[in-house]
C-alpha cells in the first residue's frame, strides 16, 4: 500500500441537521494511536443509524466536523504497535461514527483495532459492508439479548429483510426451529435462509397460523421492523418467552401489557451502537464464517459516489431504499 496523503475527501457535517447539512470536502487524514489502524476505504454502506446521529435523534458525542458513516471495507495502510494488523490486510468494520469516533464516509478512516475484522478471501468488500450492520444486529438480538438456545422455536417477522434473513440463518445455525413472516413473494428466500415454516405476516390470522406451526408456542418472537402486531406475540409466546424489537425511531405498535404480563414475557430492545466490542468481535467471527461459506447474503440497493452522500441520506429518511445502499470514496493509490 502507498502511504496516506496529508488530506482526503470526506462527507461530513459541522452541526446536527437535515441531509442538506452534509458537505463534501477535504479534511486531514486522521492519525492513529497505538491500538488503532488506518484503513484506505474502498466501500461504505449507508445506514439508518447514520441518519440518527447526523440529525441528533440519537444522542452521542459528536466531534465536529463530523465524518458520517459506521460501516466500511478496505485495506490497512498503517497500524499502531498494539494493533495486530499489517499494511495490505483486507478488513471491514461496522462500529464507527458514534461514541466520539469519527465515521468512514471518507478516503481514509482510523479504526480501533478491537473493532476491525479481517476480510476472508472468499468475501467481497461489497458483501462484507452490506452485512456489517444487519448481520451484527442479528447476532446481538439472538445471543447477547434473547439468549437463544438450541432446541427453541423462534419467529422472525420481516424475515426477508437484511436483518431478518441474517437472523434466520443464525438461528438455524444455533439449532433453533425457525418460523418466518414475510410477503408471499419472499417466502422462497426465507426458506432458503433456514425457515422451517413461512407465514404471510399481513395475513388475516397470523396468530392462528403460528399456533398451527408451533402448537407448543414460540420461545422468541422477533419484530425486525417495530411495526409487527405484538398482540400476535402475546397469543403465541410460551410462558417465559421473549420478544425482541428492532424498531428504529419510526417504529410504532401497541404493546398488550396485560397479556404479556400473564405470560411472564420479556420485551427486549437494543441499539447496536451500545454493543460491547467483544460481542461485536464474536458477531464478526460468525459473519465471516457464514459469508465465506456462502450462507449469508445481502440485498444491495445500488451504489453511489461519495459526492452523493446527502442524496443517499435523504433517500434513506424518505423510506426509498430497500436493501443496502453503498458509497464509493474512490481512494487514489
Protein backbone atom coordinates (compact mmCIF):
# COMPACT_ATOMS: atom_id res chain seq x y z
CA UNK A 1 0.00 0.00 0.00
CA UNK A 2 1.14 3.55 -0.75
CA UNK A 3 1.48 5.85 2.25
CA UNK A 4 -1.54 8.01 3.00
CA UNK A 5 -1.55 11.62 1.81
CA UNK A 6 -1.98 14.50 4.22
CA UNK A 7 -5.60 15.23 3.23
CA UNK A 8 -8.60 13.25 2.00
CA UNK A 9 -12.09 13.70 0.58
CA UNK A 10 -14.84 13.16 3.12
CA UNK A 11 -18.59 13.57 3.63
CA UNK A 12 -19.13 15.47 6.88
CA UNK A 13 -21.33 17.89 8.81
CA UNK A 14 -20.43 20.81 11.04
CA UNK A 15 -23.68 20.70 13.05
CA UNK A 16 -26.71 18.48 13.53
CA UNK A 17 -29.44 18.89 10.95
CA UNK A 18 -31.08 17.56 7.77
CA UNK A 19 -29.25 15.89 4.87
CA UNK A 20 -28.66 19.31 3.31
CA UNK A 21 -26.08 19.92 6.06
CA UNK A 22 -23.77 17.27 4.53
CA UNK A 23 -20.66 18.70 2.91
CA UNK A 24 -18.10 17.07 0.62
CA UNK A 25 -14.63 18.47 1.07
CA UNK A 26 -11.03 17.95 2.12
CA UNK A 27 -10.14 17.09 5.70
CA UNK A 28 -6.86 15.93 7.27
CA UNK A 29 -6.19 12.21 7.09
CA UNK A 30 -6.59 11.00 10.69
CA UNK A 31 -3.65 9.99 12.79
CA UNK A 32 -3.70 6.72 14.69
CA UNK A 33 -2.91 5.74 18.24
CA UNK A 34 -1.05 2.61 19.44
CA UNK A 35 -4.18 0.43 19.22
CA UNK A 36 -5.64 1.95 16.05
CA UNK A 37 -5.44 1.16 12.36
CA UNK A 38 -5.53 3.49 9.36
CA UNK A 39 -7.70 1.99 6.62
CA UNK A 40 -7.90 3.03 2.97
CA UNK A 41 -11.66 2.88 2.48
CA UNK A 42 -12.91 1.03 -0.58
CA UNK A 43 -16.66 0.97 0.05
CA UNK A 44 -19.10 2.05 2.77
CA UNK A 45 -22.77 1.36 3.44
CA UNK A 46 -25.49 3.87 4.29
CA UNK A 47 -27.38 3.05 7.48
CA UNK A 48 -30.43 4.50 9.17
CA UNK A 49 -28.22 4.74 12.26
CA UNK A 50 -26.05 7.24 10.36
CA UNK A 51 -29.08 9.49 9.85
CA UNK A 52 -29.99 9.30 13.54
CA UNK A 53 -26.54 10.54 14.58
CA UNK A 54 -26.37 13.21 11.87
CA UNK A 55 -29.80 14.61 12.78
CA UNK A 56 -29.19 14.48 16.54
CA UNK A 57 -32.00 11.98 17.19
CA UNK A 58 -29.55 9.53 18.70
CA UNK A 59 -27.62 11.37 21.39
CA UNK A 60 -23.93 10.51 21.33
CA UNK A 61 -20.70 12.55 21.50
CA UNK A 62 -20.06 14.03 18.04
CA UNK A 63 -16.77 15.75 17.19
CA UNK A 64 -17.37 18.46 14.58
CA UNK A 65 -16.52 18.48 11.75
CA UNK A 66 -18.07 15.03 11.98
CA UNK A 67 -17.48 12.44 9.26
CA UNK A 68 -20.57 10.33 8.63
CA UNK A 69 -20.83 6.56 8.47
CA UNK A 70 -20.26 3.41 10.50
CA UNK A 71 -19.69 0.50 8.07
CA UNK A 72 -16.59 0.17 5.85
CA UNK A 73 -14.47 -2.30 3.95
CA UNK A 74 -10.95 -1.57 2.72
CA UNK A 75 -7.24 -2.25 3.21
CA UNK A 76 -4.86 -1.42 6.02
CA UNK A 77 -2.42 1.42 5.31
CA UNK A 78 -0.77 1.58 8.73
CA UNK A 79 -1.23 0.03 12.17
CA UNK A 80 -0.22 1.13 15.64
CA UNK A 81 2.26 -1.05 17.57
CA UNK A 82 -0.55 -2.64 19.63
CA UNK A 83 -2.78 -3.39 16.64
CA UNK A 84 -2.47 -6.93 15.14
CA UNK A 85 -2.75 -5.83 11.50
CA UNK A 86 -0.29 -5.14 8.70
CA UNK A 87 -0.35 -2.90 5.61
CA UNK A 88 -2.31 -4.53 2.82
CA UNK A 89 -4.63 -6.58 5.05
CA UNK A 90 -8.22 -6.70 3.78
CA UNK A 91 -10.53 -5.58 6.59
CA UNK A 92 -14.03 -4.45 7.50
CA UNK A 93 -15.71 -2.69 10.41
CA UNK A 94 -19.23 -1.75 11.46
CA UNK A 95 -18.59 0.31 14.55
CA UNK A 96 -17.59 3.86 13.60
CA UNK A 97 -19.37 7.20 13.73
CA UNK A 98 -20.63 7.23 17.32
CA UNK A 99 -19.37 7.47 20.93
CA UNK A 100 -16.89 10.13 19.82
CA UNK A 101 -15.46 8.08 16.95
CA UNK A 102 -15.30 9.68 13.53
CA UNK A 103 -17.10 7.89 10.71
CA UNK A 104 -15.94 6.29 7.49
CA UNK A 105 -17.51 8.28 4.64
CA UNK A 106 -14.02 9.27 3.57
CA UNK A 107 -11.00 8.02 1.68
CA UNK A 108 -9.31 7.02 4.95
CA UNK A 109 -10.56 6.09 8.41
CA UNK A 110 -8.92 5.44 11.77
CA UNK A 111 -10.42 2.32 13.34
CA UNK A 112 -9.83 0.90 16.84
CA UNK A 113 -8.15 -2.48 16.39
CA UNK A 114 -10.72 -4.24 18.58
CA UNK A 115 -13.47 -3.05 16.22
CA UNK A 116 -11.72 -4.09 12.99
CA UNK A 117 -12.02 -7.55 11.43
CA UNK A 118 -10.14 -9.44 8.73
CA UNK A 119 -11.99 -9.90 5.46
CA UNK A 120 -11.87 -13.51 4.22
CA UNK A 121 -10.53 -14.01 0.69
CA UNK A 122 -13.84 -15.54 -0.39
CA UNK A 123 -15.89 -12.49 0.68
CA UNK A 124 -16.14 -9.35 -1.45
CA UNK A 125 -15.84 -5.92 0.19
CA UNK A 126 -19.34 -5.14 -1.06
CA UNK A 127 -20.87 -8.14 0.68
CA UNK A 128 -18.91 -7.53 3.87
CA UNK A 129 -20.00 -3.93 4.20
CA UNK A 130 -23.59 -4.78 3.28
CA UNK A 131 -23.69 -7.44 6.02
CA UNK A 132 -21.85 -5.44 8.70
CA UNK A 133 -24.84 -3.73 10.31
CA UNK A 134 -27.75 -6.16 9.73
CA UNK A 135 -25.86 -9.37 10.44
CA UNK A 136 -24.26 -7.96 13.60
CA UNK A 137 -27.74 -6.85 14.66
CA UNK A 138 -28.97 -10.42 14.14
CA UNK A 139 -26.14 -11.83 16.30
CA UNK A 140 -26.77 -9.32 19.07
CA UNK A 141 -30.52 -9.93 19.06
CA UNK A 142 -30.20 -13.69 19.39
CA UNK A 143 -27.13 -14.19 21.52
CA UNK A 144 -26.49 -11.04 23.57
CA UNK A 145 -30.14 -10.23 24.34
CA UNK A 146 -32.57 -13.10 23.73
CA UNK A 147 -30.05 -15.74 24.90
CA UNK A 148 -31.17 -18.13 22.19
CA UNK A 149 -30.68 -21.82 22.97
CA UNK A 150 -30.61 -24.90 20.76
CA UNK A 151 -34.00 -26.60 20.50
CA UNK A 152 -36.03 -23.43 20.97
CA UNK A 153 -38.67 -22.27 18.49
CA UNK A 154 -38.38 -18.72 17.20
CA UNK A 155 -40.38 -16.44 14.92
CA UNK A 156 -38.85 -13.65 12.82
CA UNK A 157 -41.22 -11.02 11.43
CA UNK A 158 -39.96 -9.12 8.40
CA UNK A 159 -37.73 -12.09 7.71
CA UNK A 160 -36.90 -11.22 4.09
CA UNK A 161 -35.05 -8.03 5.02
CA UNK A 162 -31.31 -7.98 5.59
CA UNK A 163 -31.63 -8.22 9.39
CA UNK A 164 -34.36 -10.82 9.11
CA UNK A 165 -32.59 -13.08 6.64
CA UNK A 166 -29.38 -13.00 8.70
CA UNK A 167 -31.46 -13.79 11.79
CA UNK A 168 -32.93 -16.85 10.05
CA UNK A 169 -29.52 -18.17 9.07
CA UNK A 170 -28.02 -17.64 12.54
CA UNK A 171 -30.97 -19.13 14.42
CA UNK A 172 -30.93 -22.23 12.24
CA UNK A 173 -27.16 -22.50 12.74
CA UNK A 174 -27.72 -22.30 16.52
CA UNK A 175 -30.09 -25.27 16.44
CA UNK A 176 -33.40 -23.44 16.74
CA UNK A 177 -36.59 -24.27 14.85
CA UNK A 178 -37.22 -21.14 12.80
CA UNK A 179 -40.56 -19.67 11.72
CA UNK A 180 -40.64 -16.64 9.43
CA UNK A 181 -43.10 -13.92 8.49
CA UNK A 182 -42.79 -12.28 5.07
CA UNK A 183 -44.72 -11.31 1.97
CA UNK A 184 -45.62 -14.31 -0.20
CA UNK A 185 -43.14 -13.19 -2.88
CA UNK A 186 -40.33 -13.60 -0.34
CA UNK A 187 -41.28 -16.98 1.08
CA UNK A 188 -38.75 -18.88 -1.04
CA UNK A 189 -35.95 -16.55 0.14
CA UNK A 190 -36.91 -17.23 3.76
CA UNK A 191 -36.93 -21.00 3.29
CA UNK A 192 -33.53 -20.82 1.61
CA UNK A 193 -32.23 -18.90 4.64
CA UNK A 194 -33.36 -21.63 7.04
CA UNK A 195 -37.04 -21.11 7.87
CA UNK A 196 -38.90 -24.34 8.55
CA UNK A 197 -42.26 -22.59 8.04
CA UNK A 198 -43.18 -19.25 6.48
CA UNK A 199 -46.35 -17.21 7.00
CA UNK A 200 -47.74 -14.07 5.40
CA UNK A 201 -47.24 -11.51 8.16
CA UNK A 202 -50.01 -9.37 6.65
CA UNK A 203 -52.48 -12.29 6.53
CA UNK A 204 -55.82 -12.16 8.36
CA UNK A 205 -54.94 -14.63 11.16
CA UNK A 206 -51.19 -14.67 11.72
CA UNK A 207 -51.62 -15.83 15.31
CA UNK A 208 -53.70 -18.79 14.19
CA UNK A 209 -51.19 -19.72 11.51
CA UNK A 210 -48.31 -19.58 14.01
CA UNK A 211 -50.22 -21.64 16.56
CA UNK A 212 -50.67 -24.25 13.86
CA UNK A 213 -46.97 -24.17 13.01
CA UNK A 214 -45.87 -24.20 16.66
CA UNK A 215 -48.62 -25.81 18.81
CA UNK A 216 -46.41 -25.65 21.92
CA UNK A 217 -45.71 -21.96 21.44
CA UNK A 218 -42.79 -19.75 20.45
CA UNK A 219 -39.82 -19.08 22.71
CA UNK A 220 -38.64 -15.89 20.97
CA UNK A 221 -40.72 -13.55 18.80
CA UNK A 222 -38.57 -11.03 16.88
CA UNK A 223 -40.16 -7.96 15.33
CA UNK A 224 -37.46 -6.62 13.00
CA UNK A 225 -39.44 -3.51 11.99
CA UNK A 226 -41.11 -2.14 15.12
CA UNK A 227 -44.43 -2.43 13.29
CA UNK A 228 -45.49 -6.02 13.97
CA UNK A 229 -48.64 -6.70 16.00
CA UNK A 230 -47.37 -7.61 19.45
CA UNK A 231 -50.83 -8.95 20.20
CA UNK A 232 -49.78 -11.83 17.94
CA UNK A 233 -46.67 -12.29 20.07
CA UNK A 234 -48.76 -12.39 23.23
CA UNK A 235 -51.01 -15.02 21.64
CA UNK A 236 -48.20 -17.38 20.57
CA UNK A 237 -45.45 -16.96 23.19
CA UNK A 238 -44.72 -19.73 25.62
CA UNK A 239 -44.72 -18.70 29.29
CA UNK A 240 -41.39 -17.01 29.94
CA UNK A 241 -40.96 -16.19 26.25
CA UNK A 242 -39.01 -13.23 24.94
CA UNK A 243 -39.90 -10.52 22.43
CA UNK A 244 -37.06 -8.79 20.59
CA UNK A 245 -37.87 -5.46 18.93
CA UNK A 246 -35.67 -3.70 16.35
CA UNK A 247 -37.66 -0.52 15.91
CA UNK A 248 -35.55 2.49 14.97
CA UNK A 249 -37.14 5.84 15.74
CA UNK A 250 -40.06 5.27 13.37
CA UNK A 251 -41.40 2.08 14.94
CA UNK A 252 -44.97 2.27 16.24
CA UNK A 253 -47.04 -0.53 17.70
CA UNK A 254 -49.35 -1.23 20.63
CA UNK A 255 -47.99 -3.30 23.49
CA UNK A 256 -50.56 -5.63 25.13
CA UNK A 257 -49.13 -5.29 28.61
CA UNK A 258 -51.71 -7.40 30.39
CA UNK A 259 -51.34 -10.38 28.07
CA UNK A 260 -47.55 -10.21 28.20
CA UNK A 261 -47.62 -9.85 31.98
CA UNK A 262 -49.73 -13.00 32.25
CA UNK A 263 -47.16 -14.95 30.22
CA UNK A 264 -44.10 -13.78 32.17
CA UNK A 265 -42.85 -12.36 28.87
CA UNK A 266 -39.78 -10.16 28.46
CA UNK A 267 -39.68 -7.29 25.94
CA UNK A 268 -36.11 -6.66 24.74
CA UNK A 269 -34.97 -3.66 22.74
CA UNK A 270 -31.40 -2.71 21.91
CA UNK A 271 -29.28 -0.48 19.71
CA UNK A 272 -26.14 -1.77 18.03
CA UNK A 273 -24.33 1.45 18.95
CA UNK A 274 -24.14 0.32 22.59
CA UNK A 275 -22.83 -3.15 21.77
CA UNK A 276 -19.67 -4.27 23.55
CA UNK A 277 -16.55 -4.66 21.45
CA UNK A 278 -16.18 -8.32 22.43
CA UNK A 279 -19.76 -9.04 21.37
CA UNK A 280 -19.16 -7.35 18.03
CA UNK A 281 -15.98 -9.38 17.56
CA UNK A 282 -17.91 -12.60 18.22
CA UNK A 283 -20.54 -11.48 15.74
CA UNK A 284 -17.85 -10.71 13.15
CA UNK A 285 -16.33 -14.19 13.52
CA UNK A 286 -19.68 -15.82 12.78
CA UNK A 287 -20.44 -13.38 9.95
CA UNK A 288 -17.08 -14.13 8.32
CA UNK A 289 -17.66 -17.87 8.57
CA UNK A 290 -21.21 -17.76 7.19
CA UNK A 291 -20.33 -15.30 4.41
CA UNK A 292 -17.20 -17.20 3.34
CA UNK A 293 -19.20 -20.41 3.02
CA UNK A 294 -22.00 -18.76 1.05
CA UNK A 295 -24.65 -19.00 3.75
CA UNK A 296 -25.13 -15.26 4.26
CA UNK A 297 -26.27 -12.90 1.55
CA UNK A 298 -27.49 -9.32 1.45
CA UNK A 299 -29.80 -7.27 -0.70
CA UNK A 300 -27.81 -4.38 -2.17
CA UNK A 301 -29.94 -1.50 -3.41
CA UNK A 302 -27.19 0.07 -5.53
CA UNK A 303 -24.07 2.21 -5.42
CA UNK A 304 -23.42 5.94 -5.50
CA UNK A 305 -20.24 8.02 -5.38
CA UNK A 306 -19.29 9.64 -2.10
CA UNK A 307 -20.33 13.00 -3.55
CA UNK A 308 -23.96 11.83 -3.38
CA UNK A 309 -23.93 11.21 0.38
CA UNK A 310 -26.60 13.87 1.01
CA UNK A 311 -28.86 12.29 -1.60
CA UNK A 312 -28.29 8.89 -0.01
CA UNK A 313 -29.31 10.19 3.44
CA UNK A 314 -32.37 11.92 2.02
CA UNK A 315 -33.47 8.74 0.28
CA UNK A 316 -32.91 6.73 3.45
CA UNK A 317 -35.05 9.08 5.52
CA UNK A 318 -37.79 9.06 2.87
CA UNK A 319 -38.00 5.26 3.00
CA UNK A 320 -36.85 4.91 -0.61
CA UNK A 321 -34.01 2.44 0.00
CA UNK A 322 -34.84 -1.25 0.17
CA UNK A 323 -31.61 -3.06 0.89
CA UNK A 324 -28.14 -1.69 1.49
CA UNK A 325 -27.02 1.37 -0.46
CA UNK A 326 -23.25 1.57 -0.95
CA UNK A 327 -21.00 4.59 -1.47
CA UNK A 328 -17.57 4.66 -3.13
CA UNK A 329 -14.99 7.03 -1.58
CA UNK A 330 -12.70 6.28 -4.58
CA UNK A 331 -9.37 6.17 -2.82
CA UNK A 332 -6.48 7.31 -5.01
CA UNK A 333 -3.48 4.96 -4.86
